[in-house]
């Protein structure tokens, strides 16, 4: 969920579709990174191609060699931010198949945005708020980005249910969608109110619901301690958050 990071500039061709040199790729990446940073700070409407040209230290001819117009640049920024947001969370995605992993993921998102003083919000969410009604191509790209994010969450929940740690009634599709909606809605309110409570409460509420769906084979210790998962008849202590 981080602000723009180097790399992942959304493609490696000029606007004519031809492959470009390594130096050209670096120039294009610099343009996209500069555009992503400016659009994250100012919004798409508040960022002109001239702003991007100056920030990237390129000529107009260089910028328009790689991007036919601002719309093409915006779509490259969507691709760039998709990879940045998902890459930031990737180390956590592999642990979303446990209550502790889900809690750690939520804590990381909350702490990260507290570190930004709740400014900027989610790069994908911010882009979606501006582009969903204005640019159908960008809207589809953003929908695909959110689908990838949702799928990463769903995979962990589905693994928990497959192992019998969540009851059969637990629906990984609905739970994953609800968690992602909690992130986006919580961040919007947190950013607007300049307080973390909306994000924290939204995530905690969904996580509490997931805990309520824990299977009977997961027997809780007293509140605030841990739980026991019975696996092949052997009790295994699992920390809970």
C-alpha atoms as a PDB file:
ATOM      1  CA  UNK A   1       0.000   0.000   0.000  1.00  0.00           C
ATOM      2  CA  UNK A   2       2.984   2.197  -0.382  1.00  0.00           C
ATOM      3  CA  UNK A   3       3.550   5.396  -2.318  1.00  0.00           C
ATOM      4  CA  UNK A   4       5.321   4.967  -5.657  1.00  0.00           C
ATOM      5  CA  UNK A   5       8.474   2.864  -5.617  1.00  0.00           C
ATOM      6  CA  UNK A   6      11.151   2.492  -8.269  1.00  0.00           C
ATOM      7  CA  UNK A   7      10.592  -0.072 -11.029  1.00  0.00           C
ATOM      8  CA  UNK A   8       7.457  -1.673 -12.437  1.00  0.00           C
ATOM      9  CA  UNK A   9       6.739   1.136 -14.867  1.00  0.00           C
ATOM     10  CA  UNK A  10       3.985  -0.667 -16.733  1.00  0.00           C
ATOM     11  CA  UNK A  11       5.505  -1.859 -19.978  1.00  0.00           C
ATOM     12  CA  UNK A  12       8.627  -1.395 -22.038  1.00  0.00           C
ATOM     13  CA  UNK A  13       7.605  -0.101 -25.459  1.00  0.00           C
ATOM     14  CA  UNK A  14       7.247   3.204 -27.226  1.00  0.00           C
ATOM     15  CA  UNK A  15       3.822   4.434 -28.287  1.00  0.00           C
ATOM     16  CA  UNK A  16       4.400   2.852 -31.699  1.00  0.00           C
ATOM     17  CA  UNK A  17       4.616  -0.557 -30.021  1.00  0.00           C
ATOM     18  CA  UNK A  18       8.261  -1.169 -30.872  1.00  0.00           C
ATOM     19  CA  UNK A  19      10.691  -2.498 -28.281  1.00  0.00           C
ATOM     20  CA  UNK A  20      13.010   0.128 -26.854  1.00  0.00           C
ATOM     21  CA  UNK A  21      16.597   0.103 -25.686  1.00  0.00           C
ATOM     22  CA  UNK A  22      17.676  -0.368 -22.090  1.00  0.00           C
ATOM     23  CA  UNK A  23      18.353   3.369 -21.895  1.00  0.00           C
ATOM     24  CA  UNK A  24      14.926   4.048 -23.348  1.00  0.00           C
ATOM     25  CA  UNK A  25      13.329   1.722 -20.803  1.00  0.00           C
ATOM     26  CA  UNK A  26      15.040   3.650 -18.017  1.00  0.00           C
ATOM     27  CA  UNK A  27      13.742   6.938 -19.435  1.00  0.00           C
ATOM     28  CA  UNK A  28      10.222   5.600 -19.733  1.00  0.00           C
ATOM     29  CA  UNK A  29      10.359   4.195 -16.200  1.00  0.00           C
ATOM     30  CA  UNK A  30      11.536   7.564 -14.890  1.00  0.00           C
ATOM     31  CA  UNK A  31       8.612   9.303 -16.583  1.00  0.00           C
ATOM     32  CA  UNK A  32       6.066   6.853 -15.132  1.00  0.00           C
ATOM     33  CA  UNK A  33       7.599   7.032 -11.651  1.00  0.00           C
ATOM     34  CA  UNK A  34       7.498  10.832 -11.709  1.00  0.00           C
ATOM     35  CA  UNK A  35       3.896  10.798 -12.939  1.00  0.00           C
ATOM     36  CA  UNK A  36       2.874   8.280 -10.263  1.00  0.00           C
ATOM     37  CA  UNK A  37       4.410  10.368  -7.497  1.00  0.00           C
ATOM     38  CA  UNK A  38       2.786  13.577  -8.706  1.00  0.00           C
ATOM     39  CA  UNK A  39      -0.624  11.969  -9.240  1.00  0.00           C
ATOM     40  CA  UNK A  40      -0.476  10.381  -5.800  1.00  0.00           C
ATOM     41  CA  UNK A  41       0.230  13.774  -4.229  1.00  0.00           C
ATOM     42  CA  UNK A  42      -1.904  16.038  -6.428  1.00  0.00           C
ATOM     43  CA  UNK A  43      -4.410  13.752  -8.116  1.00  0.00           C
ATOM     44  CA  UNK A  44      -4.719  13.014 -11.807  1.00  0.00           C
ATOM     45  CA  UNK A  45      -6.592  16.228 -12.574  1.00  0.00           C
ATOM     46  CA  UNK A  46      -3.990  18.266 -10.691  1.00  0.00           C
ATOM     47  CA  UNK A  47      -1.074  16.831 -12.660  1.00  0.00           C
ATOM     48  CA  UNK A  48      -0.258  18.033 -16.171  1.00  0.00           C
ATOM     49  CA  UNK A  49       2.049  16.405 -18.676  1.00  0.00           C
ATOM     50  CA  UNK A  50       4.256  19.479 -18.325  1.00  0.00           C
ATOM     51  CA  UNK A  51       4.491  18.833 -14.581  1.00  0.00           C
ATOM     52  CA  UNK A  52       5.583  15.278 -15.335  1.00  0.00           C
ATOM     53  CA  UNK A  53       8.083  16.401 -17.976  1.00  0.00           C
ATOM     54  CA  UNK A  54       9.777  18.765 -15.539  1.00  0.00           C
ATOM     55  CA  UNK A  55       9.770  16.262 -12.658  1.00  0.00           C
ATOM     56  CA  UNK A  56      11.233  13.515 -14.864  1.00  0.00           C
ATOM     57  CA  UNK A  57      13.809  15.861 -16.431  1.00  0.00           C
ATOM     58  CA  UNK A  58      12.890  14.880 -19.980  1.00  0.00           C
ATOM     59  CA  UNK A  59      12.027  16.800 -23.126  1.00  0.00           C
ATOM     60  CA  UNK A  60       8.534  16.988 -24.573  1.00  0.00           C
ATOM     61  CA  UNK A  61       9.639  14.881 -27.515  1.00  0.00           C
ATOM     62  CA  UNK A  62      10.873  12.165 -25.141  1.00  0.00           C
ATOM     63  CA  UNK A  63       7.642  12.153 -23.164  1.00  0.00           C
ATOM     64  CA  UNK A  64       5.453  11.930 -26.268  1.00  0.00           C
ATOM     65  CA  UNK A  65       7.681   9.284 -27.791  1.00  0.00           C
ATOM     66  CA  UNK A  66       6.560   6.911 -25.039  1.00  0.00           C
ATOM     67  CA  UNK A  67       3.057   8.254 -24.336  1.00  0.00           C
ATOM     68  CA  UNK A  68       0.689   9.514 -26.994  1.00  0.00           C
ATOM     69  CA  UNK A  69      -1.259  11.623 -24.523  1.00  0.00           C
ATOM     70  CA  UNK A  70      -2.042  12.026 -20.839  1.00  0.00           C
ATOM     71  CA  UNK A  71      -4.523   9.139 -20.910  1.00  0.00           C
ATOM     72  CA  UNK A  72      -1.777   6.754 -22.009  1.00  0.00           C
ATOM     73  CA  UNK A  73       0.455   8.028 -19.214  1.00  0.00           C
ATOM     74  CA  UNK A  74      -2.324   7.643 -16.649  1.00  0.00           C
ATOM     75  CA  UNK A  75      -2.847   4.018 -17.676  1.00  0.00           C
ATOM     76  CA  UNK A  76       0.859   3.362 -17.232  1.00  0.00           C
ATOM     77  CA  UNK A  77       0.590   4.871 -13.759  1.00  0.00           C
ATOM     78  CA  UNK A  78      -2.287   2.504 -12.952  1.00  0.00           C
ATOM     79  CA  UNK A  79      -0.091  -0.457 -13.926  1.00  0.00           C
ATOM     80  CA  UNK A  80       2.821   0.950 -11.931  1.00  0.00           C
ATOM     81  CA  UNK A  81       0.771   1.496  -8.787  1.00  0.00           C
ATOM     82  CA  UNK A  82      -0.848  -1.928  -9.102  1.00  0.00           C
ATOM     83  CA  UNK A  83       2.538  -3.599  -8.913  1.00  0.00           C
ATOM     84  CA  UNK A  84       3.719  -1.284  -6.110  1.00  0.00           C
ATOM     85  CA  UNK A  85       0.684  -1.902  -3.913  1.00  0.00           C
ATOM     86  CA  UNK A  86       0.716  -5.670  -4.390  1.00  0.00           C
ATOM     87  CA  UNK A  87       4.497  -5.961  -4.044  1.00  0.00           C
ATOM     88  CA  UNK A  88       4.380  -4.159  -0.711  1.00  0.00           C
ATOM     89  CA  UNK A  89       1.933  -6.745   0.633  1.00  0.00           C
ATOM     90  CA  UNK A  90       3.413  -9.809  -1.056  1.00  0.00           C
ATOM     91  CA  UNK A  91       5.437 -10.994   1.972  1.00  0.00           C
ATOM     92  CA  UNK A  92       2.220 -10.893   4.009  1.00  0.00           C
ATOM     93  CA  UNK A  93      -0.049 -12.592   1.468  1.00  0.00           C
ATOM     94  CA  UNK A  94       1.599 -15.967   2.028  1.00  0.00           C
ATOM     95  CA  UNK A  95       0.622 -15.778   5.720  1.00  0.00           C
ATOM     96  CA  UNK A  96      -3.053 -14.919   5.268  1.00  0.00           C
ATOM     97  CA  UNK A  97      -3.977 -18.552   5.899  1.00  0.00           C
ATOM     98  CA  UNK A  98      -4.046 -18.032   9.668  1.00  0.00           C
ATOM     99  CA  UNK A  99      -5.723 -15.694  12.133  1.00  0.00           C
ATOM    100  CA  UNK A 100      -2.327 -14.421  13.214  1.00  0.00           C
ATOM    101  CA  UNK A 101      -1.325 -13.751   9.623  1.00  0.00           C
ATOM    102  CA  UNK A 102      -4.549 -11.864   8.905  1.00  0.00           C
ATOM    103  CA  UNK A 103      -4.043  -9.755  12.035  1.00  0.00           C
ATOM    104  CA  UNK A 104      -0.419  -9.028  11.089  1.00  0.00           C
ATOM    105  CA  UNK A 105      -1.504  -7.934   7.604  1.00  0.00           C
ATOM    106  CA  UNK A 106      -4.126  -5.592   9.050  1.00  0.00           C
ATOM    107  CA  UNK A 107      -1.650  -4.178  11.574  1.00  0.00           C
ATOM    108  CA  UNK A 108       0.880  -3.527   8.808  1.00  0.00           C
ATOM    109  CA  UNK A 109      -1.627  -1.553   6.749  1.00  0.00           C
ATOM    110  CA  UNK A 110      -2.709   0.500   9.758  1.00  0.00           C
ATOM    111  CA  UNK A 111       0.873   1.214  10.851  1.00  0.00           C
ATOM    112  CA  UNK A 112       1.933   2.122   7.330  1.00  0.00           C
ATOM    113  CA  UNK A 113      -0.781   4.716   6.903  1.00  0.00           C
ATOM    114  CA  UNK A 114      -0.188   6.090  10.380  1.00  0.00           C
ATOM    115  CA  UNK A 115       3.399   6.593   9.243  1.00  0.00           C
ATOM    116  CA  UNK A 116       2.073   8.695   6.357  1.00  0.00           C
ATOM    117  CA  UNK A 117      -0.048  10.685   8.831  1.00  0.00           C
ATOM    118  CA  UNK A 118      -3.127   9.340   7.020  1.00  0.00           C
ATOM    119  CA  UNK A 119      -2.380  11.398   3.914  1.00  0.00           C
ATOM    120  CA  UNK A 120      -2.590  10.107   0.370  1.00  0.00           C
ATOM    121  CA  UNK A 121      -4.689   7.025   1.047  1.00  0.00           C
ATOM    122  CA  UNK A 122      -4.448   3.936  -1.133  1.00  0.00           C
ATOM    123  CA  UNK A 123      -2.834   4.733  -4.508  1.00  0.00           C
ATOM    124  CA  UNK A 124      -5.290   2.439  -6.294  1.00  0.00           C
ATOM    125  CA  UNK A 125      -8.286   3.743  -4.381  1.00  0.00           C
ATOM    126  CA  UNK A 126      -7.292   7.340  -5.107  1.00  0.00           C
ATOM    127  CA  UNK A 127      -6.920   6.613  -8.808  1.00  0.00           C
ATOM    128  CA  UNK A 128     -10.247   4.771  -8.879  1.00  0.00           C
ATOM    129  CA  UNK A 129     -12.074   7.702  -7.286  1.00  0.00           C
ATOM    130  CA  UNK A 130     -10.936   9.951 -10.140  1.00  0.00           C
ATOM    131  CA  UNK A 131     -10.954   7.587 -13.086  1.00  0.00           C
ATOM    132  CA  UNK A 132     -13.815   5.102 -12.625  1.00  0.00           C
ATOM    133  CA  UNK A 133     -16.336   7.377 -14.371  1.00  0.00           C
ATOM    134  CA  UNK A 134     -13.917   9.230 -16.639  1.00  0.00           C
ATOM    135  CA  UNK A 135     -11.736   6.582 -18.277  1.00  0.00           C
ATOM    136  CA  UNK A 136     -13.278   3.168 -19.073  1.00  0.00           C
ATOM    137  CA  UNK A 137      -9.910   1.609 -19.937  1.00  0.00           C
ATOM    138  CA  UNK A 138      -8.344   2.770 -16.674  1.00  0.00           C
ATOM    139  CA  UNK A 139     -11.438   1.631 -14.776  1.00  0.00           C
ATOM    140  CA  UNK A 140     -11.069  -1.886 -16.162  1.00  0.00           C
ATOM    141  CA  UNK A 141      -7.370  -1.935 -15.259  1.00  0.00           C
ATOM    142  CA  UNK A 142      -8.160  -0.806 -11.729  1.00  0.00           C
ATOM    143  CA  UNK A 143     -10.922  -3.404 -11.403  1.00  0.00           C
ATOM    144  CA  UNK A 144      -8.389  -6.057 -12.433  1.00  0.00           C
ATOM    145  CA  UNK A 145      -5.924  -4.721  -9.863  1.00  0.00           C
ATOM    146  CA  UNK A 146      -8.482  -4.959  -7.083  1.00  0.00           C
ATOM    147  CA  UNK A 147      -9.395  -8.456  -8.279  1.00  0.00           C
ATOM    148  CA  UNK A 148      -5.762  -9.544  -7.874  1.00  0.00           C
ATOM    149  CA  UNK A 149      -5.672  -8.063  -4.365  1.00  0.00           C
ATOM    150  CA  UNK A 150      -8.932  -9.747  -3.444  1.00  0.00           C
ATOM    151  CA  UNK A 151      -7.724 -13.085  -4.833  1.00  0.00           C
ATOM    152  CA  UNK A 152      -4.619 -12.970  -2.642  1.00  0.00           C
ATOM    153  CA  UNK A 153      -6.791 -12.514   0.440  1.00  0.00           C
ATOM    154  CA  UNK A 154      -9.266 -15.177  -0.677  1.00  0.00           C
ATOM    155  CA  UNK A 155      -6.510 -17.743  -1.198  1.00  0.00           C
ATOM    156  CA  UNK A 156      -5.503 -17.609   2.457  1.00  0.00           C
ATOM    157  CA  UNK A 157      -9.081 -17.847   3.705  1.00  0.00           C
ATOM    158  CA  UNK A 158      -9.818 -20.735   1.350  1.00  0.00           C
ATOM    159  CA  UNK A 159      -6.770 -22.584   2.703  1.00  0.00           C
ATOM    160  CA  UNK A 160      -8.044 -22.141   6.257  1.00  0.00           C
ATOM    161  CA  UNK A 161     -11.422 -23.583   5.333  1.00  0.00           C
ATOM    162  CA  UNK A 162      -9.839 -26.444   3.381  1.00  0.00           C
ATOM    163  CA  UNK A 163      -7.858 -27.408   6.487  1.00  0.00           C
ATOM    164  CA  UNK A 164     -11.009 -27.336   8.559  1.00  0.00           C
ATOM    165  CA  UNK A 165      -9.977 -24.302  10.591  1.00  0.00           C
ATOM    166  CA  UNK A 166     -12.988 -22.348   9.366  1.00  0.00           C
ATOM    167  CA  UNK A 167     -16.474 -23.835   9.340  1.00  0.00           C
ATOM    168  CA  UNK A 168     -18.014 -24.856   6.029  1.00  0.00           C
ATOM    169  CA  UNK A 169     -20.380 -21.894   6.190  1.00  0.00           C
ATOM    170  CA  UNK A 170     -17.411 -19.499   5.913  1.00  0.00           C
ATOM    171  CA  UNK A 171     -17.399 -18.066   2.382  1.00  0.00           C
ATOM    172  CA  UNK A 172     -13.850 -17.064   1.332  1.00  0.00           C
ATOM    173  CA  UNK A 173     -15.193 -15.047  -1.605  1.00  0.00           C
ATOM    174  CA  UNK A 174     -17.461 -12.894   0.548  1.00  0.00           C
ATOM    175  CA  UNK A 175     -14.935 -12.580   3.357  1.00  0.00           C
ATOM    176  CA  UNK A 176     -12.129 -11.512   1.017  1.00  0.00           C
ATOM    177  CA  UNK A 177     -14.358  -8.933  -0.649  1.00  0.00           C
ATOM    178  CA  UNK A 178     -15.450  -7.610   2.751  1.00  0.00           C
ATOM    179  CA  UNK A 179     -11.856  -7.289   3.951  1.00  0.00           C
ATOM    180  CA  UNK A 180     -10.841  -5.382   0.825  1.00  0.00           C
ATOM    181  CA  UNK A 181     -13.886  -3.124   1.145  1.00  0.00           C
ATOM    182  CA  UNK A 182     -12.929  -2.498   4.790  1.00  0.00           C
ATOM    183  CA  UNK A 183      -9.462  -1.392   3.681  1.00  0.00           C
ATOM    184  CA  UNK A 184     -10.756   0.965   1.005  1.00  0.00           C
ATOM    185  CA  UNK A 185     -13.672   2.415   2.948  1.00  0.00           C
ATOM    186  CA  UNK A 186     -11.689   2.599   6.168  1.00  0.00           C
ATOM    187  CA  UNK A 187      -8.839   4.438   4.458  1.00  0.00           C
ATOM    188  CA  UNK A 188     -11.199   6.933   2.832  1.00  0.00           C
ATOM    189  CA  UNK A 189     -12.771   7.859   6.171  1.00  0.00           C
ATOM    190  CA  UNK A 190      -9.435   7.793   8.019  1.00  0.00           C
ATOM    191  CA  UNK A 191      -7.904  10.125   5.447  1.00  0.00           C
ATOM    192  CA  UNK A 192     -10.906  12.455   5.591  1.00  0.00           C
ATOM    193  CA  UNK A 193     -11.123  12.536   9.386  1.00  0.00           C
ATOM    194  CA  UNK A 194      -7.332  12.426   9.933  1.00  0.00           C
ATOM    195  CA  UNK A 195      -7.735   9.675  12.493  1.00  0.00           C
ATOM    196  CA  UNK A 196      -6.977   5.981  12.188  1.00  0.00           C
ATOM    197  CA  UNK A 197     -10.116   4.704  13.939  1.00  0.00           C
ATOM    198  CA  UNK A 198     -12.223   4.138  10.781  1.00  0.00           C
ATOM    199  CA  UNK A 199      -9.571   1.883   9.246  1.00  0.00           C
ATOM    200  CA  UNK A 200      -8.781   0.086  12.493  1.00  0.00           C
ATOM    201  CA  UNK A 201     -12.424  -0.492  13.408  1.00  0.00           C
ATOM    202  CA  UNK A 202     -13.404  -1.628   9.910  1.00  0.00           C
ATOM    203  CA  UNK A 203     -10.609  -4.199   9.758  1.00  0.00           C
ATOM    204  CA  UNK A 204     -11.091  -5.388  13.338  1.00  0.00           C
ATOM    205  CA  UNK A 205     -14.817  -5.878  12.791  1.00  0.00           C
ATOM    206  CA  UNK A 206     -14.245  -8.140   9.789  1.00  0.00           C
ATOM    207  CA  UNK A 207     -11.460 -10.033  11.568  1.00  0.00           C
ATOM    208  CA  UNK A 208     -13.739 -10.571  14.572  1.00  0.00           C
ATOM    209  CA  UNK A 209     -16.346 -12.009  12.231  1.00  0.00           C
ATOM    210  CA  UNK A 210     -13.768 -14.369  10.751  1.00  0.00           C
ATOM    211  CA  UNK A 211     -12.788 -15.481  14.267  1.00  0.00           C
ATOM    212  CA  UNK A 212     -16.445 -16.232  14.942  1.00  0.00           C
ATOM    213  CA  UNK A 213     -16.323 -18.712  12.044  1.00  0.00           C
ATOM    214  CA  UNK A 214     -13.452 -20.708  13.516  1.00  0.00           C
ATOM    215  CA  UNK A 215     -14.165 -24.431  13.497  1.00  0.00           C
ATOM    216  CA  UNK A 216     -14.796 -26.412  16.656  1.00  0.00           C
ATOM    217  CA  UNK A 217     -11.398 -28.064  16.195  1.00  0.00           C
ATOM    218  CA  UNK A 218      -9.842 -24.730  17.137  1.00  0.00           C
ATOM    219  CA  UNK A 219     -10.395 -24.515  20.886  1.00  0.00           C
ATOM    220  CA  UNK A 220      -9.690 -21.081  22.383  1.00  0.00           C
ATOM    221  CA  UNK A 221      -7.602 -20.513  25.450  1.00  0.00           C
ATOM    222  CA  UNK A 222      -8.803 -17.733  27.762  1.00  0.00           C
ATOM    223  CA  UNK A 223      -9.228 -14.421  25.952  1.00  0.00           C
ATOM    224  CA  UNK A 224      -5.947 -12.773  25.003  1.00  0.00           C
ATOM    225  CA  UNK A 225      -3.833 -15.913  25.074  1.00  0.00           C
ATOM    226  CA  UNK A 226      -3.810 -18.513  22.303  1.00  0.00           C
ATOM    227  CA  UNK A 227      -5.735 -21.429  20.856  1.00  0.00           C
ATOM    228  CA  UNK A 228      -5.249 -25.108  20.246  1.00  0.00           C
ATOM    229  CA  UNK A 229      -5.690 -26.623  16.808  1.00  0.00           C
ATOM    230  CA  UNK A 230      -6.139 -30.375  16.847  1.00  0.00           C
ATOM    231  CA  UNK A 231      -4.256 -31.751  13.831  1.00  0.00           C
ATOM    232  CA  UNK A 232      -4.208 -35.520  13.343  1.00  0.00           C
ATOM    233  CA  UNK A 233      -5.073 -35.896  17.003  1.00  0.00           C
ATOM    234  CA  UNK A 234      -2.116 -33.775  18.135  1.00  0.00           C
ATOM    235  CA  UNK A 235      -2.924 -30.427  19.802  1.00  0.00           C
ATOM    236  CA  UNK A 236      -0.823 -27.569  18.435  1.00  0.00           C
ATOM    237  CA  UNK A 237      -0.696 -24.221  20.215  1.00  0.00           C
ATOM    238  CA  UNK A 238      -1.374 -21.273  17.895  1.00  0.00           C
ATOM    239  CA  UNK A 239      -1.004 -17.674  19.062  1.00  0.00           C
ATOM    240  CA  UNK A 240      -4.035 -15.462  18.575  1.00  0.00           C
ATOM    241  CA  UNK A 241      -4.180 -11.727  18.174  1.00  0.00           C
END
